[in-house]
Amino acid sequence: MSTISRGDIKPGTRVGIVQKQDQPTGAITEGVVQDILTKSSSHPHGIKVRLRDGTVGRVKVLLD
């Protein structure tokens, strides 16, 4: 599985994230990025973002 870097994500990008409470199951939540919360260029568990609806999680898949 290739890692997604911070440079791949911009506000307005459609993504699939895993929320903290869904980490054991890996359930994906889809949405549009509002803010990128991870400051580093990469993270082993995924870049943390806030979606437009306020949901926070780590990006697992780019949908655009």
Protein backbone atom coordinates (compact mmCIF):
# COMPACT_ATOMS: atom_id res chain seq x y z
CA MET A 1 0.00 0.00 0.00
CA SER A 2 1.47 3.33 -1.00
CA THR A 3 1.48 6.12 1.54
CA ILE A 4 -0.36 9.36 0.85
CA SER A 5 1.75 12.45 1.48
CA ARG A 6 0.55 15.83 2.68
CA GLY A 7 1.27 17.28 -0.78
CA ASP A 8 -1.33 14.93 -2.32
CA ILE A 9 -4.12 16.48 -0.22
CA LYS A 10 -5.60 19.94 -0.59
CA PRO A 11 -8.75 21.57 0.81
CA GLY A 12 -11.61 20.49 -1.43
CA THR A 13 -10.15 17.01 -2.15
CA ARG A 14 -12.57 14.07 -1.75
CA VAL A 15 -11.03 11.47 0.54
CA GLY A 16 -11.79 8.38 2.58
CA ILE A 17 -10.73 8.62 6.21
CA VAL A 18 -10.69 6.37 9.25
CA GLN A 19 -11.91 8.05 12.43
CA LYS A 20 -10.22 7.23 15.75
CA GLN A 21 -13.17 5.19 17.02
CA ASP A 22 -13.21 3.20 13.75
CA GLN A 23 -9.52 2.21 13.82
CA PRO A 24 -10.19 -1.36 15.05
CA THR A 25 -12.63 -2.04 12.19
CA GLY A 26 -11.04 0.22 9.55
CA ALA A 27 -14.44 1.66 8.56
CA ILE A 28 -13.99 4.37 5.91
CA THR A 29 -15.85 7.70 6.07
CA GLU A 30 -16.01 9.70 2.85
CA GLY A 31 -15.95 13.46 2.68
CA VAL A 32 -14.32 16.64 1.42
CA VAL A 33 -11.22 18.04 3.14
CA GLN A 34 -11.63 21.37 4.92
CA ASP A 35 -8.33 21.51 6.88
CA ILE A 36 -5.10 19.48 6.94
CA LEU A 37 -4.15 18.92 10.59
CA THR A 38 -0.87 17.00 10.20
CA LYS A 39 2.06 19.41 9.83
CA SER A 40 4.67 16.90 8.63
CA SER A 41 4.88 15.78 4.98
CA SER A 42 3.93 12.20 5.84
CA HIS A 43 2.72 10.06 8.74
CA PRO A 44 2.82 6.25 9.08
CA HIS A 45 -0.91 6.08 9.93
CA GLY A 46 -2.05 8.67 7.40
CA ILE A 47 -2.38 12.44 7.21
CA LYS A 48 -4.93 13.76 9.71
CA VAL A 49 -7.62 16.01 8.22
CA ARG A 50 -10.88 17.72 9.17
CA LEU A 51 -13.73 17.23 6.71
CA ARG A 52 -16.28 19.92 5.84
CA ASP A 53 -18.80 18.30 8.21
CA GLY A 54 -16.31 18.54 11.11
CA THR A 55 -15.30 14.87 11.14
CA VAL A 56 -11.60 14.28 11.93
CA GLY A 57 -9.62 11.26 10.80
CA ARG A 58 -6.60 9.96 8.92
CA VAL A 59 -6.67 9.76 5.12
CA LYS A 60 -6.59 6.21 3.78
CA VAL A 61 -7.71 6.78 0.20
CA LEU A 62 -7.98 9.67 -2.28
CA LEU A 63 -11.30 9.66 -4.15
CA ASP A 64 -10.58 12.41 -6.71
